[in-house]
Amino acid sequence: MYRMRDFPVKISKTEVVAAALPVQEHWLPLSNLDLLLPPVDVGVFFCYDNKHNMGPLSFGHMVGVLKAALAQTLVSYYAFAGRLVKNAAGEPELLCNNCGVDFVEAFADVDLKDIDLYNPDESVEGKLVPERKRGVLAVQASIHNLFILYMLSIFFLPLHLDKIRRESVALYLWV
């Protein structure tokens, strides 16, 4: 079993996916509770069996479908295409400006059975789940020998729970 991130992941392409339609720029203030609690990064990844050995659906085609679906999803859930900034008082706010979501395409030279999923911070974080460099959401699509993996690195502000729960369900349905 692989330990301590010692399997190779080759990033083939990185780009930014914005909402498919223009979004009017605006600010979403954080609640008092959000301001008291520290932000939390949450990494999630989904694994899909490659039953058809990709046949007519190449990895590039699947990635294209994912990017198009993400762009459509960001129209309704525009907050995921925004970024955290500080207002004049120095407090963080969510700027909904459609700056987009980081989208990474990668190849991981490891079988899923060899990954130590009991220690995800050591084996998954930063390799199979992308690091969020900008904005509030990052997505990584990876191809493996036996599996296609679609990875999400999601940054949630700790409580806007009602809003985050609704948006999380929509994001889950998108995947």
N, C-alpha and C. Protein backbone atom coordinates (compact mmCIF):
# COMPACT_ATOMS: atom_id res chain seq x y z
N MET A 1 0.84 -1.17 0.00
CA MET A 1 0.00 0.00 0.00
C MET A 1 0.89 1.24 0.00
N TYR A 2 0.53 2.23 -0.80
CA TYR A 2 1.30 3.46 -0.86
C TYR A 2 1.14 4.25 0.43
N ARG A 3 2.18 4.91 0.82
CA ARG A 3 2.16 5.73 2.03
C ARG A 3 2.79 7.09 1.74
N MET A 4 2.40 8.05 2.50
CA MET A 4 3.04 9.38 2.51
C MET A 4 3.18 10.00 1.11
N ARG A 5 2.15 9.89 0.29
CA ARG A 5 2.12 10.57 -1.00
C ARG A 5 3.24 10.15 -1.95
N ASP A 6 3.63 8.91 -1.95
CA ASP A 6 4.76 8.52 -2.79
C ASP A 6 4.35 7.93 -4.13
N PHE A 7 3.14 8.20 -4.60
CA PHE A 7 2.75 7.77 -5.95
C PHE A 7 2.68 9.01 -6.85
N PRO A 8 3.06 8.85 -8.11
CA PRO A 8 3.11 10.01 -9.00
C PRO A 8 1.74 10.41 -9.55
N VAL A 9 1.51 11.71 -9.61
CA VAL A 9 0.34 12.28 -10.25
C VAL A 9 0.85 13.34 -11.22
N LYS A 10 0.57 13.15 -12.50
CA LYS A 10 1.04 14.08 -13.52
C LYS A 10 -0.12 14.97 -13.96
N ILE A 11 0.02 16.27 -13.74
CA ILE A 11 -0.99 17.23 -14.16
C ILE A 11 -0.76 17.56 -15.62
N SER A 12 -1.79 17.33 -16.44
CA SER A 12 -1.64 17.57 -17.88
C SER A 12 -2.18 18.93 -18.30
N LYS A 13 -3.15 19.47 -17.57
CA LYS A 13 -3.73 20.75 -17.96
C LYS A 13 -4.41 21.39 -16.76
N THR A 14 -4.26 22.70 -16.65
CA THR A 14 -4.95 23.47 -15.63
C THR A 14 -5.60 24.67 -16.30
N GLU A 15 -6.86 24.89 -16.00
CA GLU A 15 -7.55 26.04 -16.57
C GLU A 15 -8.62 26.52 -15.60
N VAL A 16 -9.23 27.65 -15.93
CA VAL A 16 -10.28 28.22 -15.10
C VAL A 16 -11.60 28.11 -15.86
N VAL A 17 -12.62 27.57 -15.20
CA VAL A 17 -13.95 27.44 -15.78
C VAL A 17 -14.85 28.47 -15.10
N ALA A 18 -15.44 29.35 -15.91
CA ALA A 18 -16.35 30.38 -15.41
C ALA A 18 -17.78 29.98 -15.74
N ALA A 19 -18.74 30.70 -15.18
CA ALA A 19 -20.15 30.44 -15.46
C ALA A 19 -20.42 30.63 -16.95
N ALA A 20 -21.34 29.83 -17.48
CA ALA A 20 -21.65 29.86 -18.91
C ALA A 20 -22.31 31.18 -19.33
N LEU A 21 -22.99 31.84 -18.41
CA LEU A 21 -23.63 33.12 -18.69
C LEU A 21 -23.03 34.19 -17.79
N PRO A 22 -23.09 35.46 -18.20
CA PRO A 22 -22.55 36.53 -17.36
C PRO A 22 -23.28 36.59 -16.02
N VAL A 23 -22.53 36.90 -14.99
CA VAL A 23 -23.08 37.03 -13.64
C VAL A 23 -22.79 38.44 -13.16
N GLN A 24 -23.82 39.10 -12.64
CA GLN A 24 -23.61 40.46 -12.14
C GLN A 24 -22.78 40.40 -10.86
N GLU A 25 -21.73 41.20 -10.82
CA GLU A 25 -20.85 41.20 -9.65
C GLU A 25 -21.57 41.78 -8.44
N HIS A 26 -21.48 41.08 -7.32
CA HIS A 26 -22.02 41.59 -6.06
C HIS A 26 -21.31 40.91 -4.89
N TRP A 27 -21.57 41.42 -3.70
CA TRP A 27 -20.91 40.95 -2.48
C TRP A 27 -21.91 40.21 -1.61
N LEU A 28 -21.46 39.13 -0.99
CA LEU A 28 -22.26 38.43 0.01
C LEU A 28 -21.54 38.54 1.35
N PRO A 29 -22.12 39.26 2.30
CA PRO A 29 -21.46 39.37 3.61
C PRO A 29 -21.56 38.05 4.36
N LEU A 30 -20.61 37.83 5.24
CA LEU A 30 -20.64 36.64 6.09
C LEU A 30 -21.42 36.95 7.35
N SER A 31 -22.00 35.93 7.95
CA SER A 31 -22.74 36.13 9.20
C SER A 31 -21.76 36.33 10.35
N ASN A 32 -22.27 36.78 11.48
CA ASN A 32 -21.42 36.95 12.67
C ASN A 32 -20.80 35.63 13.09
N LEU A 33 -21.55 34.55 12.98
CA LEU A 33 -21.01 33.24 13.34
C LEU A 33 -19.89 32.84 12.39
N ASP A 34 -20.06 33.13 11.09
CA ASP A 34 -19.00 32.85 10.13
C ASP A 34 -17.73 33.61 10.48
N LEU A 35 -17.90 34.82 10.94
CA LEU A 35 -16.74 35.64 11.28
C LEU A 35 -16.02 35.12 12.53
N LEU A 36 -16.76 34.47 13.43
CA LEU A 36 -16.15 33.94 14.65
C LEU A 36 -15.41 32.62 14.41
N LEU A 37 -15.94 31.80 13.52
CA LEU A 37 -15.35 30.49 13.28
C LEU A 37 -14.33 30.55 12.14
N PRO A 38 -13.27 29.77 12.24
CA PRO A 38 -12.27 29.78 11.16
C PRO A 38 -12.80 29.06 9.91
N PRO A 39 -12.31 29.44 8.73
CA PRO A 39 -12.73 28.74 7.51
C PRO A 39 -12.20 27.31 7.51
N VAL A 40 -12.89 26.43 6.81
CA VAL A 40 -12.53 25.02 6.77
C VAL A 40 -12.44 24.57 5.32
N ASP A 41 -11.36 23.90 4.96
CA ASP A 41 -11.23 23.28 3.64
C ASP A 41 -11.73 21.85 3.73
N VAL A 42 -12.57 21.45 2.79
CA VAL A 42 -13.10 20.09 2.76
C VAL A 42 -12.78 19.50 1.40
N GLY A 43 -12.13 18.35 1.39
CA GLY A 43 -11.82 17.66 0.14
C GLY A 43 -12.73 16.45 -0.03
N VAL A 44 -13.28 16.29 -1.22
CA VAL A 44 -14.17 15.18 -1.53
C VAL A 44 -13.75 14.60 -2.86
N PHE A 45 -13.77 13.26 -2.98
CA PHE A 45 -13.53 12.71 -4.31
C PHE A 45 -14.46 11.55 -4.57
N PHE A 46 -14.85 11.44 -5.83
CA PHE A 46 -15.78 10.42 -6.29
C PHE A 46 -15.06 9.51 -7.27
N CYS A 47 -15.29 8.21 -7.17
CA CYS A 47 -14.65 7.23 -8.06
C CYS A 47 -15.72 6.57 -8.92
N TYR A 48 -15.42 6.48 -10.20
CA TYR A 48 -16.33 5.84 -11.14
C TYR A 48 -15.60 4.73 -11.87
N ASP A 49 -16.18 3.54 -11.89
CA ASP A 49 -15.58 2.40 -12.57
C ASP A 49 -15.64 2.63 -14.08
N ASN A 50 -14.56 2.34 -14.74
CA ASN A 50 -14.47 2.48 -16.19
C ASN A 50 -14.96 1.20 -16.84
N LYS A 51 -16.26 0.97 -16.81
CA LYS A 51 -16.84 -0.29 -17.30
C LYS A 51 -16.66 -0.47 -18.80
N HIS A 52 -16.66 0.61 -19.53
CA HIS A 52 -16.61 0.52 -20.98
C HIS A 52 -15.21 0.70 -21.54
N ASN A 53 -14.21 0.72 -20.67
CA ASN A 53 -12.83 0.95 -21.09
C ASN A 53 -12.73 2.18 -21.97
N MET A 54 -13.55 3.15 -21.68
CA MET A 54 -13.62 4.45 -22.32
C MET A 54 -14.08 4.38 -23.77
N GLY A 55 -14.16 3.26 -24.40
CA GLY A 55 -14.67 3.08 -25.75
C GLY A 55 -14.80 4.38 -26.52
N PRO A 56 -16.03 4.75 -26.91
CA PRO A 56 -16.20 5.98 -27.67
C PRO A 56 -16.06 7.23 -26.81
N LEU A 57 -16.12 7.07 -25.50
CA LEU A 57 -16.00 8.23 -24.61
C LEU A 57 -14.57 8.32 -24.09
N SER A 58 -13.77 9.14 -24.71
CA SER A 58 -12.39 9.30 -24.26
C SER A 58 -12.37 10.13 -22.99
N PHE A 59 -11.23 10.11 -22.32
CA PHE A 59 -11.06 10.92 -21.12
C PHE A 59 -11.27 12.39 -21.45
N GLY A 60 -10.73 12.83 -22.58
CA GLY A 60 -10.90 14.23 -22.99
C GLY A 60 -12.36 14.59 -23.20
N HIS A 61 -13.13 13.67 -23.77
CA HIS A 61 -14.56 13.92 -23.97
C HIS A 61 -15.28 14.04 -22.63
N MET A 62 -14.97 13.14 -21.70
CA MET A 62 -15.60 13.19 -20.38
C MET A 62 -15.24 14.47 -19.64
N VAL A 63 -13.99 14.89 -19.76
CA VAL A 63 -13.56 16.14 -19.12
C VAL A 63 -14.31 17.32 -19.73
N GLY A 64 -14.49 17.31 -21.04
CA GLY A 64 -15.25 18.37 -21.71
C GLY A 64 -16.68 18.44 -21.22
N VAL A 65 -17.31 17.29 -21.03
CA VAL A 65 -18.67 17.24 -20.51
C VAL A 65 -18.70 17.79 -19.09
N LEU A 66 -17.73 17.40 -18.27
CA LEU A 66 -17.66 17.91 -16.89
C LEU A 66 -17.51 19.42 -16.86
N LYS A 67 -16.63 19.96 -17.70
CA LYS A 67 -16.41 21.41 -17.73
C LYS A 67 -17.67 22.15 -18.18
N ALA A 68 -18.34 21.63 -19.19
CA ALA A 68 -19.57 22.26 -19.66
C ALA A 68 -20.65 22.23 -18.57
N ALA A 69 -20.77 21.09 -17.88
CA ALA A 69 -21.75 20.98 -16.80
C ALA A 69 -21.40 21.91 -15.64
N LEU A 70 -20.11 22.02 -15.33
CA LEU A 70 -19.69 22.93 -14.28
C LEU A 70 -20.02 24.37 -14.65
N ALA A 71 -19.76 24.76 -15.89
CA ALA A 71 -20.06 26.13 -16.34
C ALA A 71 -21.55 26.41 -16.22
N GLN A 72 -22.39 25.45 -16.55
CA GLN A 72 -23.84 25.64 -16.41
C GLN A 72 -24.25 25.71 -14.94
N THR A 73 -23.65 24.88 -14.11
CA THR A 73 -23.96 24.87 -12.67
C THR A 73 -23.59 26.20 -12.03
N LEU A 74 -22.48 26.79 -12.47
CA LEU A 74 -22.03 28.05 -11.88
C LEU A 74 -22.95 29.22 -12.21
N VAL A 75 -23.83 29.07 -13.18
CA VAL A 75 -24.81 30.13 -13.47
C VAL A 75 -25.76 30.26 -12.29
N SER A 76 -26.28 29.16 -11.80
CA SER A 76 -27.22 29.18 -10.67
C SER A 76 -26.51 29.29 -9.32
N TYR A 77 -25.35 28.68 -9.22
CA TYR A 77 -24.61 28.66 -7.96
C TYR A 77 -23.34 29.49 -8.11
N TYR A 78 -23.57 30.77 -8.41
CA TYR A 78 -22.49 31.70 -8.75
C TYR A 78 -21.51 31.92 -7.61
N ALA A 79 -21.91 31.66 -6.38
CA ALA A 79 -21.00 31.89 -5.25
C ALA A 79 -19.75 31.01 -5.37
N PHE A 80 -19.88 29.82 -5.97
CA PHE A 80 -18.73 28.93 -6.14
C PHE A 80 -17.70 29.49 -7.12
N ALA A 81 -18.11 30.44 -7.96
CA ALA A 81 -17.18 31.05 -8.92
C ALA A 81 -16.63 32.36 -8.39
N GLY A 82 -16.88 32.65 -7.13
CA GLY A 82 -16.40 33.88 -6.52
C GLY A 82 -15.12 33.66 -5.73
N ARG A 83 -14.80 34.65 -4.91
CA ARG A 83 -13.61 34.53 -4.07
C ARG A 83 -13.81 35.32 -2.79
N LEU A 84 -13.07 34.92 -1.77
CA LEU A 84 -13.12 35.63 -0.49
C LEU A 84 -12.19 36.82 -0.54
N VAL A 85 -12.69 37.97 -0.14
CA VAL A 85 -11.89 39.19 -0.09
C VAL A 85 -12.22 39.91 1.22
N LYS A 86 -11.39 40.86 1.57
CA LYS A 86 -11.65 41.65 2.78
C LYS A 86 -12.34 42.95 2.38
N ASN A 87 -13.34 43.34 3.18
CA ASN A 87 -14.02 44.61 2.93
C ASN A 87 -13.24 45.74 3.57
N ALA A 88 -13.78 46.95 3.55
CA ALA A 88 -13.09 48.12 4.09
C ALA A 88 -12.81 47.98 5.58
N ALA A 89 -13.64 47.22 6.30
CA ALA A 89 -13.45 47.01 7.74
C ALA A 89 -12.47 45.87 8.02
N GLY A 90 -11.97 45.23 6.98
CA GLY A 90 -11.02 44.14 7.15
C GLY A 90 -11.66 42.79 7.39
N GLU A 91 -12.99 42.72 7.25
CA GLU A 91 -13.70 41.45 7.45
C GLU A 91 -13.85 40.74 6.12
N PRO A 92 -13.79 39.40 6.13
CA PRO A 92 -13.94 38.67 4.87
C PRO A 92 -15.37 38.71 4.35
N GLU A 93 -15.50 38.84 3.04
CA GLU A 93 -16.79 38.77 2.35
C GLU A 93 -16.59 37.93 1.09
N LEU A 94 -17.68 37.41 0.57
CA LEU A 94 -17.62 36.64 -0.66
C LEU A 94 -17.95 37.55 -1.83
N LEU A 95 -16.97 37.75 -2.70
CA LEU A 95 -17.16 38.56 -3.90
C LEU A 95 -17.60 37.63 -5.01
N CYS A 96 -18.84 37.77 -5.44
CA CYS A 96 -19.39 36.95 -6.52
C CYS A 96 -19.11 37.68 -7.84
N ASN A 97 -17.98 37.37 -8.45
CA ASN A 97 -17.54 38.09 -9.65
C ASN A 97 -17.26 37.17 -10.83
N ASN A 98 -17.63 35.90 -10.71
CA ASN A 98 -17.42 34.92 -11.78
C ASN A 98 -15.95 34.82 -12.18
N CYS A 99 -15.06 34.88 -11.19
CA CYS A 99 -13.63 34.71 -11.50
C CYS A 99 -13.34 33.26 -11.87
N GLY A 100 -14.28 32.36 -11.62
CA GLY A 100 -14.16 30.99 -12.09
C GLY A 100 -13.64 30.01 -11.06
N VAL A 101 -13.58 28.75 -11.50
CA VAL A 101 -13.16 27.62 -10.68
C VAL A 101 -11.94 26.99 -11.33
N ASP A 102 -10.92 26.71 -10.53
CA ASP A 102 -9.74 26.01 -11.05
C ASP A 102 -10.14 24.59 -11.44
N PHE A 103 -9.80 24.18 -12.66
CA PHE A 103 -10.12 22.84 -13.15
C PHE A 103 -8.82 22.20 -13.61
N VAL A 104 -8.47 21.06 -13.01
CA VAL A 104 -7.20 20.39 -13.26
C VAL A 104 -7.48 19.03 -13.91
N GLU A 105 -6.72 18.70 -14.97
CA GLU A 105 -6.74 17.37 -15.57
C GLU A 105 -5.43 16.69 -15.19
N ALA A 106 -5.52 15.43 -14.74
CA ALA A 106 -4.32 14.75 -14.26
C ALA A 106 -4.37 13.25 -14.55
N PHE A 107 -3.20 12.63 -14.47
CA PHE A 107 -3.05 11.18 -14.57
C PHE A 107 -2.35 10.70 -13.30
N ALA A 108 -2.98 9.77 -12.60
CA ALA A 108 -2.40 9.21 -11.38
C ALA A 108 -1.96 7.78 -11.66
N ASP A 109 -0.68 7.51 -11.50
CA ASP A 109 -0.13 6.18 -11.78
C ASP A 109 -0.22 5.33 -10.52
N VAL A 110 -1.45 4.99 -10.14
CA VAL A 110 -1.70 4.18 -8.95
C VAL A 110 -3.07 3.53 -9.09
N ASP A 111 -3.20 2.33 -8.59
CA ASP A 111 -4.51 1.69 -8.54
C ASP A 111 -5.21 2.12 -7.26
N LEU A 112 -6.51 2.24 -7.34
CA LEU A 112 -7.28 2.68 -6.18
C LEU A 112 -7.05 1.78 -4.97
N LYS A 113 -6.89 0.48 -5.20
CA LYS A 113 -6.69 -0.46 -4.09
C LYS A 113 -5.37 -0.21 -3.35
N ASP A 114 -4.43 0.49 -3.99
CA ASP A 114 -3.13 0.74 -3.37
C ASP A 114 -3.07 2.04 -2.57
N ILE A 115 -4.14 2.80 -2.59
CA ILE A 115 -4.14 4.08 -1.88
C ILE A 115 -4.60 3.86 -0.45
N ASP A 116 -3.89 4.44 0.49
CA ASP A 116 -4.23 4.32 1.91
C ASP A 116 -5.34 5.32 2.23
N LEU A 117 -6.58 4.89 2.10
CA LEU A 117 -7.72 5.78 2.34
C LEU A 117 -8.01 5.97 3.83
N TYR A 118 -7.29 5.24 4.69
CA TYR A 118 -7.44 5.45 6.12
C TYR A 118 -6.68 6.68 6.59
N ASN A 119 -5.73 7.15 5.80
CA ASN A 119 -4.96 8.36 6.11
C ASN A 119 -5.03 9.31 4.92
N PRO A 120 -6.19 9.89 4.66
CA PRO A 120 -6.34 10.70 3.45
C PRO A 120 -5.46 11.95 3.44
N ASP A 121 -5.15 12.51 4.61
CA ASP A 121 -4.28 13.68 4.62
C ASP A 121 -2.91 13.36 4.07
N GLU A 122 -2.47 12.13 4.23
CA GLU A 122 -1.15 11.74 3.75
C GLU A 122 -1.18 11.19 2.33
N SER A 123 -2.26 10.53 1.94
CA SER A 123 -2.26 9.84 0.65
C SER A 123 -3.10 10.51 -0.43
N VAL A 124 -4.07 11.32 -0.05
CA VAL A 124 -4.99 11.89 -1.03
C VAL A 124 -4.83 13.39 -1.17
N GLU A 125 -4.76 14.09 -0.05
CA GLU A 125 -4.71 15.55 -0.05
C GLU A 125 -3.55 16.08 -0.87
N GLY A 126 -3.85 16.96 -1.82
CA GLY A 126 -2.81 17.56 -2.65
C GLY A 126 -2.40 16.70 -3.83
N LYS A 127 -2.83 15.44 -3.86
CA LYS A 127 -2.51 14.55 -4.98
C LYS A 127 -3.78 14.25 -5.76
N LEU A 128 -4.74 13.61 -5.12
CA LEU A 128 -5.99 13.27 -5.77
C LEU A 128 -7.06 14.33 -5.55
N VAL A 129 -6.90 15.12 -4.53
CA VAL A 129 -7.77 16.27 -4.29
C VAL A 129 -6.91 17.50 -4.51
N PRO A 130 -7.28 18.36 -5.45
CA PRO A 130 -6.41 19.49 -5.79
C PRO A 130 -6.35 20.52 -4.68
N GLU A 131 -5.25 21.25 -4.66
CA GLU A 131 -5.14 22.37 -3.73
C GLU A 131 -5.89 23.54 -4.33
N ARG A 132 -6.64 24.22 -3.50
CA ARG A 132 -7.39 25.38 -3.95
C ARG A 132 -6.46 26.58 -3.93
N LYS A 133 -6.16 27.10 -5.11
CA LYS A 133 -5.22 28.22 -5.20
C LYS A 133 -5.92 29.56 -5.22
N ARG A 134 -7.13 29.60 -5.76
CA ARG A 134 -7.89 30.84 -5.85
C ARG A 134 -9.36 30.49 -5.74
N GLY A 135 -10.17 31.44 -5.46
CA GLY A 135 -11.60 31.19 -5.40
C GLY A 135 -11.99 30.29 -4.24
N VAL A 136 -13.20 29.73 -4.33
CA VAL A 136 -13.70 28.89 -3.24
C VAL A 136 -13.89 27.44 -3.64
N LEU A 137 -13.58 27.08 -4.89
CA LEU A 137 -13.77 25.72 -5.36
C LEU A 137 -12.69 25.36 -6.36
N ALA A 138 -12.18 24.13 -6.26
CA ALA A 138 -11.24 23.60 -7.25
C ALA A 138 -11.71 22.20 -7.62
N VAL A 139 -11.58 21.83 -8.90
CA VAL A 139 -12.02 20.53 -9.39
C VAL A 139 -10.85 19.87 -10.10
N GLN A 140 -10.67 18.57 -9.89
CA GLN A 140 -9.64 17.81 -10.60
C GLN A 140 -10.25 16.55 -11.17
N ALA A 141 -10.04 16.31 -12.45
CA ALA A 141 -10.45 15.06 -13.09
C ALA A 141 -9.18 14.27 -13.36
N SER A 142 -9.10 13.05 -12.83
CA SER A 142 -7.90 12.22 -12.98
C SER A 142 -8.27 10.90 -13.64
N ILE A 143 -7.37 10.40 -14.46
CA ILE A 143 -7.54 9.08 -15.04
C ILE A 143 -6.54 8.14 -14.38
N HIS A 144 -6.99 6.93 -14.08
CA HIS A 144 -6.16 5.90 -13.48
C HIS A 144 -6.19 4.68 -14.39
N ASN A 145 -5.38 3.70 -14.08
CA ASN A 145 -5.36 2.48 -14.89
C ASN A 145 -6.72 1.78 -14.91
N LEU A 146 -7.40 1.72 -13.78
CA LEU A 146 -8.66 0.99 -13.71
C LEU A 146 -9.87 1.87 -13.49
N PHE A 147 -9.65 3.09 -13.08
CA PHE A 147 -10.77 3.93 -12.68
C PHE A 147 -10.63 5.33 -13.28
N ILE A 148 -11.76 5.97 -13.44
CA ILE A 148 -11.78 7.40 -13.70
C ILE A 148 -12.20 8.03 -12.38
N LEU A 149 -11.44 9.01 -11.93
CA LEU A 149 -11.76 9.67 -10.67
C LEU A 149 -12.08 11.13 -10.95
N TYR A 150 -13.14 11.62 -10.39
CA TYR A 150 -13.45 13.05 -10.46
C TYR A 150 -13.29 13.58 -9.05
N MET A 151 -12.36 14.49 -8.87
CA MET A 151 -12.05 14.99 -7.56
C MET A 151 -12.55 16.41 -7.39
N LEU A 152 -13.00 16.70 -6.21
CA LEU A 152 -13.41 18.05 -5.88
C LEU A 152 -12.68 18.48 -4.62
N SER A 153 -12.17 19.67 -4.64
CA SER A 153 -11.64 20.25 -3.42
C SER A 153 -12.54 21.44 -3.13
N ILE A 154 -13.33 21.32 -2.11
CA ILE A 154 -14.36 22.30 -1.86
C ILE A 154 -14.01 23.10 -0.61
N PHE A 155 -14.11 24.39 -0.72
CA PHE A 155 -13.86 25.28 0.41
C PHE A 155 -15.20 25.77 0.90
N PHE A 156 -15.58 25.39 2.09
CA PHE A 156 -16.84 25.86 2.66
C PHE A 156 -16.56 26.79 3.81
N LEU A 157 -17.29 27.86 3.83
CA LEU A 157 -17.24 28.71 5.01
C LEU A 157 -18.06 28.01 6.07
N PRO A 158 -17.58 27.93 7.28
CA PRO A 158 -18.27 27.11 8.26
C PRO A 158 -19.64 27.64 8.53
N LEU A 159 -20.51 27.81 8.40
CA LEU A 159 -21.89 28.09 8.64
C LEU A 159 -22.35 29.17 7.69
N HIS A 160 -23.00 29.10 6.91
CA HIS A 160 -23.95 29.56 5.95
C HIS A 160 -24.60 28.23 5.63
N LEU A 161 -24.85 27.45 6.69
CA LEU A 161 -25.20 26.05 6.49
C LEU A 161 -26.40 25.83 5.58
N ASP A 162 -27.46 26.63 5.75
CA ASP A 162 -28.62 26.41 4.88
C ASP A 162 -28.23 26.61 3.43
N LYS A 163 -27.54 27.69 3.17
CA LYS A 163 -27.13 27.97 1.79
C LYS A 163 -26.12 26.93 1.30
N ILE A 164 -25.14 26.62 2.13
CA ILE A 164 -24.12 25.66 1.74
C ILE A 164 -24.74 24.29 1.50
N ARG A 165 -25.70 23.89 2.33
CA ARG A 165 -26.32 22.58 2.13
C ARG A 165 -27.03 22.51 0.79
N ARG A 166 -27.78 23.55 0.45
CA ARG A 166 -28.47 23.55 -0.84
C ARG A 166 -27.47 23.52 -1.98
N GLU A 167 -26.42 24.32 -1.87
CA GLU A 167 -25.43 24.37 -2.94
C GLU A 167 -24.64 23.07 -3.01
N SER A 168 -24.41 22.44 -1.86
CA SER A 168 -23.69 21.17 -1.86
C SER A 168 -24.50 20.09 -2.57
N VAL A 169 -25.80 20.07 -2.34
CA VAL A 169 -26.65 19.09 -3.01
C VAL A 169 -26.60 19.31 -4.51
N ALA A 170 -26.67 20.56 -4.95
CA ALA A 170 -26.61 20.85 -6.38
C ALA A 170 -25.26 20.44 -6.96
N LEU A 171 -24.20 20.69 -6.22
CA LEU A 171 -22.87 20.31 -6.69
C LEU A 171 -22.76 18.80 -6.76
N TYR A 172 -23.33 18.11 -5.77
CA TYR A 172 -23.31 16.65 -5.78
C TYR A 172 -24.08 16.12 -6.99
N LEU A 173 -25.23 16.73 -7.29
CA LEU A 173 -26.02 16.30 -8.44
C LEU A 173 -25.27 16.57 -9.73
N TRP A 174 -24.47 17.63 -9.77
CA TRP A 174 -23.67 17.93 -10.95
C TRP A 174 -22.66 16.82 -11.19
N VAL A 175 -22.04 16.33 -10.11
CA VAL A 175 -21.04 15.27 -10.24
C VAL A 175 -21.73 13.98 -10.58
